[in-house]
Amino acid sequence: MFKRIDHVEILPGDFEKSMAFYQDVLEFRLVSRMQVHTGPLKEIAYLRLGDTVIELLHVKNPAPMPASMAVGYRAIALEVESMEAAIACLRDHGVYVTWGPIDLGTAIRAEITDPDGLAIELREWRQKPW
């Protein structure tokens, strides 16, 4: 019945800044971008990285995210071929690791944040548990 996660929605504070970050820094490619006129929703963009899709929602006057840990989805995770190369590439774009990297044995894990401070895990797998 259920097949897979289709996409992840992200509601950024600055739509254009996030579009640039996900495309220019994380190498997502724009699949489609469309104007929407439904309530505060102004525009939707779908971006793809491999077989992963994110949907950025352009909303008029989005509320800021809470300052502390709250119930909800905490992060998206991107698999990287080489943690060292990924960190060097990110540094070249002015993006710095906020946590890690740490060697977990089966993987190396680190975190960065997007322009709104949303957590993005980076994972270099040696052996996946699934």
N, C-alpha and C. Protein backbone atom coordinates (compact mmCIF):
# COMPACT_ATOMS: atom_id res chain seq x y z
N MET A 1 0.82 -1.20 0.00
CA MET A 1 0.00 0.00 0.00
C MET A 1 0.87 1.26 0.00
N PHE A 2 1.73 1.43 1.00
CA PHE A 2 2.62 2.60 1.06
C PHE A 2 3.93 2.21 0.40
N LYS A 3 4.49 3.10 -0.42
CA LYS A 3 5.64 2.75 -1.22
C LYS A 3 6.95 3.38 -0.75
N ARG A 4 6.94 4.69 -0.48
CA ARG A 4 8.18 5.39 -0.13
C ARG A 4 7.84 6.82 0.25
N ILE A 5 8.80 7.55 0.75
CA ILE A 5 8.61 8.99 0.96
C ILE A 5 8.68 9.64 -0.42
N ASP A 6 7.66 10.36 -0.79
CA ASP A 6 7.59 10.99 -2.10
C ASP A 6 8.42 12.27 -2.15
N HIS A 7 8.25 13.13 -1.17
CA HIS A 7 9.04 14.36 -1.09
C HIS A 7 8.94 14.92 0.32
N VAL A 8 9.80 15.88 0.62
CA VAL A 8 9.79 16.56 1.91
C VAL A 8 9.50 18.04 1.65
N GLU A 9 8.52 18.58 2.37
CA GLU A 9 8.18 20.01 2.23
C GLU A 9 9.03 20.84 3.18
N ILE A 10 9.51 21.95 2.65
CA ILE A 10 10.28 22.91 3.46
C ILE A 10 9.66 24.28 3.25
N LEU A 11 9.37 24.96 4.35
CA LEU A 11 8.81 26.30 4.29
C LEU A 11 9.90 27.27 4.74
N PRO A 12 10.63 27.86 3.81
CA PRO A 12 11.74 28.75 4.18
C PRO A 12 11.27 30.16 4.54
N GLY A 13 12.09 30.85 5.29
CA GLY A 13 11.82 32.25 5.60
C GLY A 13 12.05 33.14 4.39
N ASP A 14 13.09 32.84 3.62
CA ASP A 14 13.43 33.59 2.41
C ASP A 14 13.49 32.59 1.26
N PHE A 15 12.44 32.53 0.48
CA PHE A 15 12.29 31.55 -0.59
C PHE A 15 13.46 31.57 -1.57
N GLU A 16 13.82 32.74 -2.08
CA GLU A 16 14.88 32.84 -3.09
C GLU A 16 16.23 32.45 -2.51
N LYS A 17 16.50 32.83 -1.28
CA LYS A 17 17.77 32.46 -0.62
C LYS A 17 17.86 30.95 -0.46
N SER A 18 16.75 30.32 -0.08
CA SER A 18 16.74 28.87 0.06
C SER A 18 16.84 28.18 -1.29
N MET A 19 16.19 28.71 -2.31
CA MET A 19 16.31 28.15 -3.66
C MET A 19 17.78 28.13 -4.08
N ALA A 20 18.47 29.23 -3.85
CA ALA A 20 19.89 29.32 -4.20
C ALA A 20 20.72 28.33 -3.39
N PHE A 21 20.47 28.23 -2.10
CA PHE A 21 21.23 27.32 -1.23
C PHE A 21 21.08 25.87 -1.68
N TYR A 22 19.85 25.42 -1.85
CA TYR A 22 19.64 24.01 -2.21
C TYR A 22 20.16 23.70 -3.61
N GLN A 23 20.10 24.66 -4.53
CA GLN A 23 20.60 24.42 -5.88
C GLN A 23 22.12 24.63 -5.99
N ASP A 24 22.60 25.77 -5.54
CA ASP A 24 24.00 26.13 -5.75
C ASP A 24 24.95 25.43 -4.79
N VAL A 25 24.52 25.19 -3.56
CA VAL A 25 25.40 24.59 -2.56
C VAL A 25 25.21 23.07 -2.50
N LEU A 26 23.95 22.61 -2.39
CA LEU A 26 23.70 21.18 -2.20
C LEU A 26 23.44 20.44 -3.51
N GLU A 27 23.46 21.15 -4.63
CA GLU A 27 23.38 20.55 -5.97
C GLU A 27 22.04 19.90 -6.30
N PHE A 28 20.96 20.34 -5.65
CA PHE A 28 19.63 19.92 -6.08
C PHE A 28 19.36 20.60 -7.43
N ARG A 29 18.57 19.96 -8.27
CA ARG A 29 18.22 20.52 -9.57
C ARG A 29 16.73 20.83 -9.60
N LEU A 30 16.40 22.01 -10.12
CA LEU A 30 15.01 22.43 -10.23
C LEU A 30 14.26 21.53 -11.20
N VAL A 31 13.15 20.94 -10.72
CA VAL A 31 12.30 20.10 -11.56
C VAL A 31 11.13 20.92 -12.08
N SER A 32 10.49 21.68 -11.19
CA SER A 32 9.40 22.56 -11.61
C SER A 32 9.21 23.67 -10.59
N ARG A 33 8.68 24.75 -11.09
CA ARG A 33 8.40 25.93 -10.25
C ARG A 33 7.11 26.53 -10.77
N MET A 34 6.14 26.70 -9.86
CA MET A 34 4.84 27.20 -10.31
C MET A 34 4.25 28.21 -9.34
N GLN A 35 3.57 29.19 -9.88
CA GLN A 35 2.84 30.18 -9.11
C GLN A 35 1.57 29.53 -8.57
N VAL A 36 1.22 29.86 -7.33
CA VAL A 36 0.01 29.35 -6.70
C VAL A 36 -0.68 30.54 -6.04
N HIS A 37 -1.97 30.58 -6.10
CA HIS A 37 -2.71 31.68 -5.49
C HIS A 37 -3.77 31.10 -4.56
N THR A 38 -3.28 30.49 -3.48
CA THR A 38 -4.16 29.87 -2.49
C THR A 38 -3.78 30.38 -1.11
N GLY A 39 -4.59 31.25 -0.55
CA GLY A 39 -4.29 31.81 0.76
C GLY A 39 -2.92 32.46 0.78
N PRO A 40 -2.11 32.16 1.80
CA PRO A 40 -0.78 32.77 1.88
C PRO A 40 0.25 32.12 0.95
N LEU A 41 -0.10 30.97 0.34
CA LEU A 41 0.83 30.27 -0.54
C LEU A 41 0.95 30.99 -1.88
N LYS A 42 2.20 31.35 -2.25
CA LYS A 42 2.44 32.11 -3.47
C LYS A 42 3.09 31.28 -4.58
N GLU A 43 3.93 30.32 -4.19
CA GLU A 43 4.70 29.60 -5.19
C GLU A 43 5.18 28.27 -4.61
N ILE A 44 5.37 27.28 -5.50
CA ILE A 44 5.90 25.97 -5.12
C ILE A 44 7.03 25.63 -6.07
N ALA A 45 8.11 25.10 -5.53
CA ALA A 45 9.22 24.63 -6.36
C ALA A 45 9.60 23.22 -5.92
N TYR A 46 9.79 22.34 -6.89
CA TYR A 46 10.27 20.99 -6.62
C TYR A 46 11.72 20.91 -7.07
N LEU A 47 12.57 20.41 -6.18
CA LEU A 47 13.99 20.26 -6.47
C LEU A 47 14.38 18.80 -6.23
N ARG A 48 15.24 18.27 -7.09
CA ARG A 48 15.61 16.86 -7.02
C ARG A 48 17.13 16.71 -6.83
N LEU A 49 17.48 15.74 -6.00
CA LEU A 49 18.87 15.30 -5.82
C LEU A 49 18.83 13.79 -5.88
N GLY A 50 19.35 13.21 -6.96
CA GLY A 50 19.23 11.76 -7.15
C GLY A 50 17.77 11.39 -7.24
N ASP A 51 17.31 10.48 -6.37
CA ASP A 51 15.89 10.12 -6.37
C ASP A 51 15.14 10.76 -5.21
N THR A 52 15.74 11.81 -4.63
CA THR A 52 15.13 12.53 -3.52
C THR A 52 14.57 13.86 -4.02
N VAL A 53 13.36 14.20 -3.56
CA VAL A 53 12.73 15.46 -3.97
C VAL A 53 12.35 16.26 -2.73
N ILE A 54 12.64 17.56 -2.77
CA ILE A 54 12.13 18.48 -1.75
C ILE A 54 11.20 19.46 -2.43
N GLU A 55 10.25 19.95 -1.68
CA GLU A 55 9.29 20.94 -2.17
C GLU A 55 9.46 22.18 -1.32
N LEU A 56 9.88 23.28 -1.94
CA LEU A 56 9.99 24.55 -1.22
C LEU A 56 8.69 25.32 -1.42
N LEU A 57 8.13 25.79 -0.33
CA LEU A 57 6.88 26.54 -0.36
C LEU A 57 7.17 28.02 -0.12
N HIS A 58 6.75 28.86 -1.05
CA HIS A 58 6.89 30.30 -0.90
C HIS A 58 5.58 30.83 -0.30
N VAL A 59 5.66 31.23 0.95
CA VAL A 59 4.49 31.67 1.69
C VAL A 59 4.67 33.12 2.10
N LYS A 60 3.60 33.88 2.00
CA LYS A 60 3.63 35.28 2.44
C LYS A 60 3.73 35.33 3.96
N ASN A 61 4.71 36.04 4.48
CA ASN A 61 4.93 36.26 5.91
C ASN A 61 4.98 34.96 6.73
N PRO A 62 5.94 34.05 6.42
CA PRO A 62 6.02 32.82 7.22
C PRO A 62 6.45 33.12 8.65
N ALA A 63 5.93 32.36 9.58
CA ALA A 63 6.30 32.53 11.00
C ALA A 63 7.68 31.94 11.20
N PRO A 64 8.49 32.55 12.09
CA PRO A 64 9.82 31.99 12.36
C PRO A 64 9.71 30.66 13.08
N MET A 65 10.75 29.82 12.92
CA MET A 65 10.74 28.53 13.60
C MET A 65 11.01 28.73 15.08
N PRO A 66 10.56 27.80 15.93
CA PRO A 66 10.80 27.92 17.36
C PRO A 66 12.30 27.87 17.67
N ALA A 67 12.70 28.53 18.73
CA ALA A 67 14.11 28.61 19.09
C ALA A 67 14.62 27.35 19.77
N SER A 68 13.75 26.53 20.33
CA SER A 68 14.21 25.35 21.05
C SER A 68 13.71 24.07 20.40
N MET A 69 14.19 22.96 20.91
CA MET A 69 13.75 21.66 20.39
C MET A 69 12.25 21.53 20.63
N ALA A 70 11.56 21.05 19.63
CA ALA A 70 10.12 20.86 19.72
C ALA A 70 9.76 19.56 19.01
N VAL A 71 8.61 19.02 19.32
CA VAL A 71 8.15 17.81 18.66
C VAL A 71 7.99 18.09 17.17
N GLY A 72 8.44 17.18 16.34
CA GLY A 72 8.31 17.35 14.90
C GLY A 72 9.50 16.73 14.20
N TYR A 73 9.54 16.86 12.89
CA TYR A 73 10.69 16.37 12.14
C TYR A 73 11.89 17.23 12.48
N ARG A 74 13.02 16.61 12.73
CA ARG A 74 14.19 17.34 13.18
C ARG A 74 15.16 17.71 12.08
N ALA A 75 15.31 16.86 11.07
CA ALA A 75 16.31 17.12 10.04
C ALA A 75 16.03 16.28 8.80
N ILE A 76 16.62 16.70 7.69
CA ILE A 76 16.72 15.80 6.55
C ILE A 76 18.17 15.33 6.53
N ALA A 77 18.42 14.20 5.94
CA ALA A 77 19.77 13.66 5.89
C ALA A 77 20.17 13.43 4.44
N LEU A 78 21.37 13.88 4.09
CA LEU A 78 21.90 13.68 2.75
C LEU A 78 23.08 12.73 2.83
N GLU A 79 23.06 11.72 1.99
CA GLU A 79 24.19 10.81 1.92
C GLU A 79 25.28 11.47 1.07
N VAL A 80 26.52 11.40 1.54
CA VAL A 80 27.66 11.96 0.81
C VAL A 80 28.63 10.84 0.47
N GLU A 81 29.33 10.99 -0.64
CA GLU A 81 30.34 9.99 -1.01
C GLU A 81 31.54 10.09 -0.08
N SER A 82 31.98 11.30 0.21
CA SER A 82 33.14 11.56 1.06
C SER A 82 32.83 12.72 1.98
N MET A 83 32.87 12.48 3.29
CA MET A 83 32.60 13.57 4.24
C MET A 83 33.63 14.67 4.08
N GLU A 84 34.87 14.29 3.93
CA GLU A 84 35.94 15.27 3.79
C GLU A 84 35.72 16.17 2.58
N ALA A 85 35.39 15.58 1.44
CA ALA A 85 35.14 16.36 0.22
C ALA A 85 33.89 17.22 0.36
N ALA A 86 32.84 16.67 0.98
CA ALA A 86 31.60 17.43 1.16
C ALA A 86 31.84 18.65 2.04
N ILE A 87 32.57 18.47 3.13
CA ILE A 87 32.85 19.59 4.04
C ILE A 87 33.69 20.65 3.34
N ALA A 88 34.67 20.23 2.54
CA ALA A 88 35.50 21.19 1.81
C ALA A 88 34.65 21.98 0.80
N CYS A 89 33.76 21.29 0.09
CA CYS A 89 32.87 21.95 -0.88
C CYS A 89 31.96 22.95 -0.18
N LEU A 90 31.38 22.53 0.93
CA LEU A 90 30.49 23.43 1.68
C LEU A 90 31.25 24.65 2.18
N ARG A 91 32.46 24.45 2.69
CA ARG A 91 33.28 25.55 3.19
C ARG A 91 33.54 26.57 2.07
N ASP A 92 33.77 26.06 0.84
CA ASP A 92 33.98 26.95 -0.30
C ASP A 92 32.75 27.82 -0.58
N HIS A 93 31.57 27.37 -0.15
CA HIS A 93 30.32 28.13 -0.31
C HIS A 93 29.96 28.91 0.96
N GLY A 94 30.86 28.94 1.94
CA GLY A 94 30.60 29.66 3.18
C GLY A 94 29.66 28.95 4.13
N VAL A 95 29.52 27.63 3.97
CA VAL A 95 28.66 26.82 4.84
C VAL A 95 29.56 25.96 5.72
N TYR A 96 29.35 26.03 7.03
CA TYR A 96 30.23 25.33 7.97
C TYR A 96 29.47 24.30 8.78
N VAL A 97 30.18 23.26 9.17
CA VAL A 97 29.61 22.18 9.96
C VAL A 97 29.22 22.74 11.33
N THR A 98 28.01 22.41 11.77
CA THR A 98 27.53 22.87 13.09
C THR A 98 27.67 21.78 14.15
N TRP A 99 27.88 20.55 13.70
CA TRP A 99 28.03 19.41 14.61
C TRP A 99 28.83 18.34 13.90
N GLY A 100 29.82 17.77 14.59
CA GLY A 100 30.63 16.70 14.01
C GLY A 100 31.76 17.27 13.19
N PRO A 101 32.33 16.48 12.30
CA PRO A 101 31.95 15.09 12.02
C PRO A 101 32.39 14.14 13.14
N ILE A 102 31.62 13.09 13.29
CA ILE A 102 31.91 12.08 14.29
C ILE A 102 31.87 10.71 13.60
N ASP A 103 32.82 9.87 13.97
CA ASP A 103 32.90 8.52 13.42
C ASP A 103 32.03 7.60 14.26
N LEU A 104 31.00 7.03 13.65
CA LEU A 104 30.07 6.15 14.35
C LEU A 104 30.38 4.68 14.10
N GLY A 105 31.49 4.40 13.46
CA GLY A 105 31.84 3.03 13.14
C GLY A 105 31.31 2.62 11.78
N THR A 106 30.00 2.54 11.65
CA THR A 106 29.40 2.17 10.36
C THR A 106 29.24 3.38 9.44
N ALA A 107 29.44 4.58 9.99
CA ALA A 107 29.26 5.80 9.20
C ALA A 107 29.98 6.96 9.86
N ILE A 108 30.16 8.03 9.08
CA ILE A 108 30.63 9.31 9.60
C ILE A 108 29.45 10.26 9.49
N ARG A 109 29.18 11.01 10.54
CA ARG A 109 28.00 11.88 10.59
C ARG A 109 28.40 13.29 10.96
N ALA A 110 27.78 14.26 10.29
CA ALA A 110 27.97 15.68 10.60
C ALA A 110 26.65 16.39 10.32
N GLU A 111 26.56 17.64 10.75
CA GLU A 111 25.37 18.44 10.46
C GLU A 111 25.77 19.83 10.01
N ILE A 112 24.93 20.36 9.13
CA ILE A 112 24.98 21.76 8.71
C ILE A 112 23.57 22.29 8.88
N THR A 113 23.37 23.57 8.60
CA THR A 113 22.02 24.13 8.59
C THR A 113 21.79 24.86 7.28
N ASP A 114 20.51 24.96 6.91
CA ASP A 114 20.16 25.73 5.72
C ASP A 114 20.05 27.20 6.13
N PRO A 115 19.69 28.10 5.22
CA PRO A 115 19.63 29.53 5.56
C PRO A 115 18.68 29.87 6.72
N ASP A 116 17.71 29.00 7.01
CA ASP A 116 16.79 29.26 8.12
C ASP A 116 17.19 28.54 9.40
N GLY A 117 18.33 27.87 9.38
CA GLY A 117 18.76 27.14 10.57
C GLY A 117 18.18 25.74 10.67
N LEU A 118 17.52 25.25 9.60
CA LEU A 118 16.99 23.90 9.61
C LEU A 118 18.14 22.91 9.49
N ALA A 119 18.12 21.87 10.31
CA ALA A 119 19.21 20.91 10.34
C ALA A 119 19.23 20.02 9.10
N ILE A 120 20.44 19.83 8.58
CA ILE A 120 20.68 18.91 7.48
C ILE A 120 21.83 18.00 7.91
N GLU A 121 21.50 16.73 8.05
CA GLU A 121 22.53 15.75 8.42
C GLU A 121 23.28 15.34 7.17
N LEU A 122 24.58 15.15 7.32
CA LEU A 122 25.41 14.60 6.26
C LEU A 122 25.88 13.23 6.75
N ARG A 123 25.78 12.22 5.89
CA ARG A 123 26.14 10.87 6.32
C ARG A 123 26.98 10.19 5.25
N GLU A 124 28.17 9.78 5.61
CA GLU A 124 29.01 8.96 4.76
C GLU A 124 28.94 7.54 5.32
N TRP A 125 28.23 6.68 4.62
CA TRP A 125 28.03 5.30 5.09
C TRP A 125 29.22 4.43 4.74
N ARG A 126 29.61 3.60 5.70
CA ARG A 126 30.54 2.49 5.42
C ARG A 126 29.72 1.22 5.26
N GLN A 127 28.70 1.11 6.10
CA GLN A 127 27.80 -0.04 6.05
C GLN A 127 26.43 0.41 6.56
N LYS A 128 25.43 0.34 5.68
CA LYS A 128 24.09 0.74 6.07
C LYS A 128 23.44 -0.36 6.90
N PRO A 129 22.64 0.02 7.90
CA PRO A 129 21.98 -0.98 8.73
C PRO A 129 20.72 -1.58 8.08
N TRP A 130 20.38 -1.14 6.91
CA TRP A 130 19.21 -1.70 6.22
C TRP A 130 19.59 -2.30 4.89
